[in-house]
Structure formats: C-alpha cells, structure tokens
Amino acid sequence: MTPTPAWPVHFFVEPAGITLERALSLDPDVDWTDLRRAREVWIVQTWHRLRRAGYPVTMSNRAPAGGIVVYHKEDQRSLLRQLPADARAVLVGVRADFRSCDAADVEVLQNGYYADGARTFFIPHWPQPGLLARDPARGERIERLSYKGYVGNLAAEFREPRFATFLAGQGMVFEDDAVLDDASDHPIRTRFHDYREVDLVLAVRPGKTAHKPASKLVNAWHAGTPALLSPDFPFLELRRSELDFLAVRDVPETEAAIRRLKTEPGLFRAMVEHGRARARDFTVESVTARWAELLFDTVPRAAGLRSRGYWTPGRRAWRTWRRKAVRALGFSERR
C-alpha cells in the first residue's frame, strides 16, 4: 500500500536529449537508449519507477508553488528562476557528478562519501536498464575483457601496446565499448547493456572518484561477470570480500588478476555466484523502495511537514539569502 503524501512530490526536469513529451511516455526498460544524460537517468527514470510502483508523483518542466520538488543539479538555475517567491517547497537536489546542490534542502548522492543521513543521503544509481546478462553457456571461459564507459574514465595505460600484447598471449580480446564524453547519442551506438559475450569487466579510473557511483560493479553483479576494478571509494564502500571484485590499480595488477582467475580453480564461479547474491540489494525494486522511503517518509519527517508549520525562522532566512543570490546571478524570481 502506497502512502498518502503530506505534500505532493513533483519531479522538475528540462530534458537535454529528448523532449518532455518523450520523457513522459517512454518505458525505461524498453526505451533505455533515450536515457542519454544524467538528468534523464536520475529524474525521468526515477519518476517512471516510482509511478510504476504506484506512488503519487508528477513530473514536468514547470516549478510548482509547493510540495517536495526533486531536480537534477543541472536544472537548479532554471528551477530557482521559476519558483514563486512565496513557494512552500522542499527542494531535493540530485548532485550526481556535479558540485553540491547548494539551493537544496536535501541532496541525493551517488555514494556515501559525503552522505550524513541528515541533509545528504546516498541512494544507489539505477542498474543498467535493458541489461543482457552473460550467456551461461560460456561457462568459465575467460576470453573477452570489456570496458563499458567513457573514454576519459579508463586509465590510458590500458590502451597501450603492452596490455594488448599480454591479452593476446592469454588468448583474450579487449572489447572497448568506450565513447567520447561529449557524444550525445552514446547509448545508441554502444553496448553498455550487452554482457552476453563478456567474461570480465574492467574499470580503472585515473584520479580521484569520490563523487562517482558504483554502477560498473553493480552492473557486473547483475550480468554475472567478475569485475576488475580500481580500489575507489564507491566500489570499496560496497565491498564485503574479494569475491565482490578483484582490486587492481594498474596494468601489472590487472595482468596478475587475470592470471589468477585463469589458474585458481573455482574462483571465477564463486565470484559469479556471489555477485548474483549481492545484486539482489540493487534491483529496480530495492532502489525504488529507497527513493520512496526518502521522499514519503524521511524528508517529510525531517522537514516537520506533518507536525508543524513549514516556515521556520531558519527557512525564512534561507529564502532571503536565496532571493539575493538568484538576483545576483542576473535572474528574476516569479511572483
């Protein structure tokens, strides 16, 4: 039974790669190639998932005068420009890969690094829609290594001759599904969803990644494919044992991990079985439940919407600051 919200829950979005009409009508499990940008993935998909589960949520490119408003960091300026000066709204901002949603009352984060459980909350990224799992008929063969991501997010040494020579010597090929970061049509011309002939997943990022999600790990679990990942916070946060993933920081450690998987009896199968068990905590249903708890329970209780008037002195002070900040940016507030 779905809750009756104290205030309505509205998703604000200005789609980048598709029209609003398309965003409202698509099926994320079928039309996942339309989820091209972060705001579609986080806002449009979340609205569809909650709505499909029976929760009373709305979505448009217009800011309401009240209620709980969920938005992506990229749309913050547009939302502030539209909000009436007397709006009685609780703003829930999705930070994603960006800096803090400074105008938000509550923020949703992709991992728990900055989450405090009071204003900032970790909700896992959605698993890859339309995911095609590894073909069980491949057994424990290790012939195809795959990187599914953007060009700049894989350490450059993995595209150098040494690594290619090593893989060839192991009878392996590297399926590089990487795309340019600025390719607006990237989901259409890549196979981010297709793991049917993938035996190992590789993801070694250059630099720090404290703000990133653990999507490559979670998707590998769902796909039934062992993962070789850099020991970054988003992955380590979820790690319970080395069966979750083998930690590698560079080409030599990756080569050692591949040799180990090829020579250590039972390791490949144990990682696959363990990953399937871990994936149960990151299904569409479980992520939907976490969103519902945040929007229909945690946020209303924290804001006191059920028990007292919303306009506290602190909120009035914030509204004064926000009005000045918006005007300083050259915007005008709707009244």
Protein backbone atom coordinates (compact mmCIF):
# COMPACT_ATOMS: atom_id res chain seq x y z
CA MET A 1 0.00 0.00 0.00
CA THR A 2 1.49 3.31 -1.05
CA PRO A 3 1.49 6.26 1.36
CA THR A 4 -0.64 9.35 1.14
CA PRO A 5 1.93 12.15 0.98
CA ALA A 6 1.77 15.06 3.42
CA TRP A 7 2.78 17.21 0.46
CA PRO A 8 2.78 16.29 -3.23
CA VAL A 9 6.02 15.01 -4.77
CA HIS A 10 6.97 16.63 -8.08
CA PHE A 11 9.91 15.93 -10.39
CA PHE A 12 11.23 19.00 -12.20
CA VAL A 13 13.22 18.38 -15.39
CA GLU A 14 14.24 20.08 -18.59
CA PRO A 15 15.34 17.09 -20.72
CA ALA A 16 18.50 17.57 -22.76
CA GLY A 17 18.46 14.70 -25.25
CA ILE A 18 14.73 14.15 -25.63
CA THR A 19 11.52 16.16 -25.50
CA LEU A 20 9.40 16.40 -22.36
CA GLU A 21 6.62 14.55 -24.16
CA ARG A 22 9.01 11.69 -24.90
CA ALA A 23 10.27 11.70 -21.32
CA LEU A 24 6.72 11.34 -20.02
CA SER A 25 5.80 8.48 -22.35
CA LEU A 26 8.90 6.27 -22.53
CA ASP A 27 9.37 2.91 -20.84
CA PRO A 28 12.81 2.83 -19.17
CA ASP A 29 13.08 -0.94 -19.56
CA VAL A 30 12.40 -0.78 -23.29
CA ASP A 31 13.42 2.73 -24.33
CA TRP A 32 16.58 2.88 -22.22
CA THR A 33 18.54 4.38 -25.13
CA ASP A 34 16.57 7.59 -24.53
CA LEU A 35 18.11 7.87 -21.06
CA ARG A 36 21.15 9.62 -22.52
CA ARG A 37 22.03 12.19 -19.89
CA ALA A 38 22.22 12.29 -16.13
CA ARG A 39 19.01 14.29 -15.70
CA GLU A 40 17.10 11.68 -17.71
CA VAL A 41 18.68 8.81 -15.79
CA TRP A 42 18.13 10.34 -12.36
CA ILE A 43 14.94 12.34 -12.78
CA VAL A 44 12.94 10.84 -15.64
CA GLN A 45 13.75 7.23 -14.76
CA THR A 46 13.12 7.74 -11.05
CA TRP A 47 9.74 9.32 -11.76
CA HIS A 48 8.78 6.39 -14.00
CA ARG A 49 9.92 3.80 -11.47
CA LEU A 50 8.01 5.39 -8.60
CA ARG A 51 4.93 5.95 -10.72
CA ARG A 52 5.01 2.34 -11.93
CA ALA A 53 5.22 1.20 -8.31
CA GLY A 54 2.03 3.15 -7.55
CA TYR A 55 3.44 6.24 -5.85
CA PRO A 56 1.63 9.56 -6.46
CA VAL A 57 4.34 11.57 -8.25
CA THR A 58 4.18 14.15 -11.04
CA MET A 59 6.78 15.45 -13.50
CA SER A 60 7.06 18.49 -15.76
CA ASN A 61 9.35 21.36 -16.74
CA ARG A 62 7.35 23.78 -14.58
CA ALA A 63 8.11 24.52 -10.94
CA PRO A 64 5.18 24.05 -8.56
CA ALA A 65 4.37 26.51 -5.80
CA GLY A 66 4.66 23.90 -3.08
CA GLY A 67 5.38 20.32 -2.16
CA ILE A 68 8.55 18.26 -2.44
CA VAL A 69 10.40 19.10 -5.65
CA VAL A 70 13.06 16.70 -6.96
CA TYR A 71 15.52 18.07 -9.51
CA HIS A 72 18.97 17.49 -11.00
CA LYS A 73 21.85 19.85 -10.28
CA GLU A 74 21.99 20.87 -13.97
CA ASP A 75 18.43 22.22 -13.70
CA GLN A 76 18.94 24.15 -10.47
CA ARG A 77 19.17 27.61 -12.03
CA SER A 78 16.09 27.02 -14.12
CA LEU A 79 14.17 25.78 -11.10
CA LEU A 80 15.18 28.78 -8.98
CA ARG A 81 14.21 31.12 -11.80
CA GLN A 82 10.73 29.61 -11.91
CA LEU A 83 9.99 29.16 -8.21
CA PRO A 84 7.50 31.74 -6.92
CA ALA A 85 8.93 33.97 -4.22
CA ASP A 86 6.34 32.64 -1.77
CA ALA A 87 6.83 28.98 -2.73
CA ARG A 88 6.28 26.48 0.07
CA ALA A 89 8.58 23.86 -1.40
CA VAL A 90 11.12 21.39 -0.07
CA LEU A 91 13.88 21.10 -2.66
CA VAL A 92 15.50 17.68 -3.14
CA GLY A 93 18.54 18.06 -5.40
CA VAL A 94 20.35 15.19 -7.13
CA ARG A 95 24.05 16.07 -7.11
CA ALA A 96 25.20 13.30 -9.50
CA ASP A 97 28.66 14.18 -10.91
CA PHE A 98 28.39 17.85 -10.01
CA ARG A 99 29.15 20.01 -7.01
CA SER A 100 26.70 20.38 -4.17
CA CYS A 101 23.14 21.46 -4.92
CA ASP A 102 23.55 24.47 -2.66
CA ALA A 103 19.94 25.60 -3.01
CA ALA A 104 18.52 22.23 -1.98
CA ASP A 105 17.11 21.39 1.43
CA VAL A 106 18.07 17.75 0.85
CA GLU A 107 20.61 16.21 -1.52
CA VAL A 108 20.75 12.76 -3.12
CA LEU A 109 24.28 11.42 -3.63
CA GLN A 110 25.63 8.60 -5.80
CA ASN A 111 27.63 7.08 -2.94
CA GLY A 112 28.02 7.54 0.77
CA TYR A 113 31.25 9.57 0.81
CA TYR A 114 29.56 12.88 1.64
CA ALA A 115 26.29 11.46 2.98
CA ASP A 116 25.42 12.43 6.54
CA GLY A 117 21.90 10.98 6.80
CA ALA A 118 20.54 14.39 7.80
CA ARG A 119 20.69 16.61 4.72
CA THR A 120 22.65 14.42 2.31
CA PHE A 121 21.54 10.87 1.51
CA PHE A 122 23.08 8.06 -0.55
CA ILE A 123 20.73 6.33 -2.96
CA PRO A 124 22.32 3.83 -5.37
CA HIS A 125 22.36 4.59 -9.07
CA TRP A 126 19.78 2.63 -11.05
CA PRO A 127 21.10 -0.62 -12.53
CA GLN A 128 21.57 -0.55 -16.30
CA PRO A 129 18.12 -0.71 -17.96
CA GLY A 130 17.79 -3.38 -20.63
CA LEU A 131 20.79 -5.28 -19.30
CA LEU A 132 21.56 -8.52 -21.13
CA ALA A 133 23.37 -10.89 -18.76
CA ARG A 134 26.35 -13.07 -19.68
CA ASP A 135 25.44 -16.21 -21.59
CA PRO A 136 25.67 -19.13 -19.11
CA ALA A 137 26.81 -21.36 -21.98
CA ARG A 138 30.17 -19.57 -21.87
CA GLY A 139 30.91 -21.44 -18.67
CA GLU A 140 34.16 -20.34 -17.02
CA ARG A 141 35.99 -19.35 -20.18
CA ILE A 142 37.94 -16.11 -19.98
CA GLU A 143 38.35 -14.77 -23.48
CA ARG A 144 36.69 -11.35 -23.56
CA LEU A 145 37.55 -8.40 -21.35
CA SER A 146 35.23 -5.40 -21.62
CA TYR A 147 35.28 -1.76 -20.56
CA LYS A 148 31.85 -0.09 -20.70
CA GLY A 149 32.19 3.63 -20.13
CA TYR A 150 33.57 6.91 -21.40
CA VAL A 151 37.00 7.29 -22.97
CA GLY A 152 38.40 9.59 -20.31
CA ASN A 153 37.30 7.35 -17.44
CA LEU A 154 39.71 4.49 -18.19
CA ALA A 155 43.39 4.84 -17.31
CA ALA A 156 45.30 5.43 -20.55
CA GLU A 157 47.83 2.63 -19.95
CA PHE A 158 45.16 0.04 -20.75
CA ARG A 159 45.19 1.18 -24.38
CA GLU A 160 48.96 0.86 -24.75
CA PRO A 161 50.67 -1.99 -26.69
CA ARG A 162 51.92 -3.79 -23.58
CA PHE A 163 48.43 -4.63 -22.37
CA ALA A 164 47.25 -5.67 -25.84
CA THR A 165 50.27 -7.99 -26.13
CA PHE A 166 49.52 -9.56 -22.76
CA LEU A 167 45.87 -10.19 -23.67
CA ALA A 168 46.83 -11.75 -26.99
CA GLY A 169 49.19 -14.07 -25.17
CA GLN A 170 46.31 -15.14 -22.95
CA GLY A 171 44.05 -15.79 -25.92
CA MET A 172 41.92 -12.80 -25.00
CA VAL A 173 40.46 -9.76 -26.72
CA PHE A 174 39.60 -6.36 -25.29
CA GLU A 175 36.04 -5.23 -26.07
CA ASP A 176 36.36 -1.48 -25.71
CA ASP A 177 32.85 -0.02 -25.69
CA ALA A 178 34.17 3.38 -24.65
CA VAL A 179 32.65 6.54 -26.09
CA LEU A 180 33.59 10.20 -26.11
CA ASP A 181 32.22 12.17 -23.17
CA ASP A 182 30.53 14.68 -25.46
CA ALA A 183 28.74 12.14 -27.67
CA SER A 184 25.05 12.95 -27.21
CA ASP A 185 23.99 9.75 -28.95
CA HIS A 186 26.23 7.47 -26.91
CA PRO A 187 23.67 4.89 -25.68
CA ILE A 188 22.52 4.21 -29.23
CA ARG A 189 25.89 3.41 -30.70
CA THR A 190 27.41 1.47 -27.82
CA ARG A 191 26.61 -1.73 -25.98
CA PHE A 192 26.61 -0.58 -22.40
CA HIS A 193 23.78 -3.01 -21.73
CA ASP A 194 25.13 -6.11 -23.50
CA TYR A 195 27.19 -8.55 -21.42
CA ARG A 196 26.23 -11.72 -23.27
CA GLU A 197 29.76 -12.41 -24.52
CA VAL A 198 31.66 -10.58 -21.78
CA ASP A 199 33.80 -12.70 -19.45
CA LEU A 200 35.46 -9.98 -17.34
CA VAL A 201 34.64 -6.32 -16.70
CA LEU A 202 37.44 -3.77 -16.36
CA ALA A 203 37.14 -0.32 -14.76
CA VAL A 204 40.26 1.51 -13.57
CA ARG A 205 39.74 5.24 -13.31
CA PRO A 206 42.51 7.83 -13.40
CA GLY A 207 42.49 10.24 -10.46
CA LYS A 208 40.05 10.56 -7.57
CA THR A 209 36.48 9.31 -7.85
CA ALA A 210 34.82 10.12 -4.54
CA HIS A 211 31.73 11.53 -6.27
CA LYS A 212 31.11 8.63 -8.69
CA PRO A 213 28.56 5.79 -8.41
CA ALA A 214 29.44 2.10 -8.20
CA SER A 215 27.47 1.35 -11.37
CA LYS A 216 30.14 -0.74 -13.09
CA LEU A 217 30.31 -3.05 -10.08
CA VAL A 218 26.55 -3.36 -9.62
CA ASN A 219 26.00 -3.96 -13.34
CA ALA A 220 28.72 -6.64 -13.32
CA TRP A 221 26.92 -8.38 -10.46
CA HIS A 222 23.65 -8.31 -12.38
CA ALA A 223 25.39 -9.51 -15.52
CA GLY A 224 27.07 -12.50 -13.85
CA THR A 225 30.50 -11.20 -14.84
CA PRO A 226 33.53 -10.89 -12.48
CA ALA A 227 34.92 -7.38 -12.26
CA LEU A 228 38.47 -5.99 -12.10
CA LEU A 229 38.13 -2.54 -10.56
CA SER A 230 40.32 0.18 -9.13
CA PRO A 231 40.03 0.44 -5.31
CA ASP A 232 37.95 3.62 -5.41
CA PHE A 233 35.59 4.65 -2.63
CA PRO A 234 32.32 3.86 -4.48
CA PHE A 235 33.48 0.25 -5.03
CA LEU A 236 35.16 -0.23 -1.64
CA GLU A 237 32.05 1.11 0.09
CA LEU A 238 30.09 -1.90 -1.18
CA ARG A 239 32.86 -4.46 -0.87
CA ARG A 240 32.44 -7.24 1.69
CA SER A 241 35.07 -9.63 0.34
CA GLU A 242 37.31 -10.04 -2.68
CA LEU A 243 34.53 -12.09 -4.28
CA ASP A 244 32.76 -8.76 -4.88
CA PHE A 245 35.58 -7.67 -7.21
CA LEU A 246 39.32 -8.02 -7.63
CA ALA A 247 41.04 -4.73 -6.85
CA VAL A 248 43.58 -3.59 -9.45
CA ARG A 249 45.36 -0.25 -9.73
CA ASP A 250 47.30 -0.60 -12.96
CA VAL A 251 48.20 -2.91 -15.84
CA PRO A 252 50.57 -5.20 -13.87
CA GLU A 253 47.97 -5.81 -11.15
CA THR A 254 45.31 -6.41 -13.80
CA GLU A 255 47.51 -8.95 -15.56
CA ALA A 256 48.09 -10.73 -12.23
CA ALA A 257 44.33 -10.80 -11.53
CA ILE A 258 43.59 -12.30 -14.95
CA ARG A 259 46.25 -14.99 -14.45
CA ARG A 260 44.76 -15.77 -11.06
CA LEU A 261 41.24 -16.15 -12.45
CA LYS A 262 42.58 -18.45 -15.15
CA THR A 263 44.58 -20.67 -12.80
CA GLU A 264 42.76 -20.69 -9.44
CA PRO A 265 40.06 -23.37 -9.54
CA GLY A 266 36.58 -22.21 -8.58
CA LEU A 267 37.39 -18.50 -8.24
CA PHE A 268 35.54 -17.43 -11.40
CA ARG A 269 32.41 -19.38 -10.48
CA ALA A 270 32.49 -18.18 -6.87
CA MET A 271 32.65 -14.55 -7.99
CA VAL A 272 29.72 -15.03 -10.37
CA GLU A 273 27.54 -16.70 -7.73
CA HIS A 274 28.48 -14.17 -5.07
CA GLY A 275 27.75 -11.28 -7.44
CA ARG A 276 24.28 -12.59 -8.20
CA ALA A 277 23.53 -12.68 -4.48
CA ARG A 278 24.85 -9.13 -3.98
CA ALA A 279 22.82 -7.86 -6.93
CA ARG A 280 19.59 -8.56 -5.04
CA ASP A 281 20.22 -5.45 -2.94
CA PHE A 282 20.49 -3.28 -6.05
CA THR A 283 17.47 -4.26 -8.11
CA VAL A 284 15.00 -1.77 -9.57
CA GLU A 285 12.60 -2.74 -6.79
CA SER A 286 15.10 -2.13 -3.99
CA VAL A 287 16.25 1.23 -5.38
CA THR A 288 12.60 2.25 -5.85
CA ALA A 289 11.94 1.41 -2.22
CA ARG A 290 14.85 3.60 -1.09
CA TRP A 291 13.56 6.54 -3.13
CA ALA A 292 10.07 6.06 -1.72
CA GLU A 293 11.37 5.98 1.84
CA LEU A 294 13.31 9.21 1.29
CA LEU A 295 10.50 11.15 -0.39
CA PHE A 296 7.48 9.88 1.51
CA ASP A 297 8.96 9.31 4.96
CA THR A 298 12.44 10.71 5.66
CA VAL A 299 12.10 14.13 4.02
CA PRO A 300 8.62 14.92 5.40
CA ARG A 301 9.68 13.89 8.91
CA ALA A 302 12.92 15.88 8.73
CA ALA A 303 11.13 18.98 7.49
CA GLY A 304 8.36 18.60 10.04
CA LEU A 305 5.68 18.82 7.36
CA ARG A 306 3.28 16.59 9.25
CA SER A 307 3.67 18.14 12.68
CA ARG A 308 4.27 21.88 12.42
CA GLY A 309 4.21 24.87 10.16
CA TYR A 310 6.81 24.81 7.45
CA TRP A 311 8.01 28.40 7.64
CA THR A 312 10.57 28.32 10.42
CA PRO A 313 12.85 31.33 11.05
CA GLY A 314 15.75 29.42 9.53
CA ARG A 315 13.79 28.76 6.37
CA ARG A 316 12.77 32.40 6.09
CA ALA A 317 16.44 33.40 6.38
CA TRP A 318 17.34 30.89 3.68
CA ARG A 319 14.64 32.28 1.42
CA THR A 320 16.05 35.80 1.88
CA TRP A 321 19.55 34.59 1.04
CA ARG A 322 18.34 32.64 -1.96
CA ARG A 323 16.40 35.59 -3.35
CA LYS A 324 19.53 37.76 -3.15
CA ALA A 325 21.70 35.05 -4.68
CA VAL A 326 19.34 34.49 -7.60
CA ARG A 327 19.18 38.20 -8.32
CA ALA A 328 22.99 38.41 -8.13
CA LEU A 329 23.12 35.79 -10.88
CA GLY A 330 21.03 38.06 -13.06
CA PHE A 331 17.78 36.16 -12.73
CA SER A 332 14.39 37.37 -11.59
CA GLU A 333 12.02 35.41 -9.39
CA ARG A 334 8.47 34.73 -10.50
CA ARG A 335 5.83 36.13 -8.17
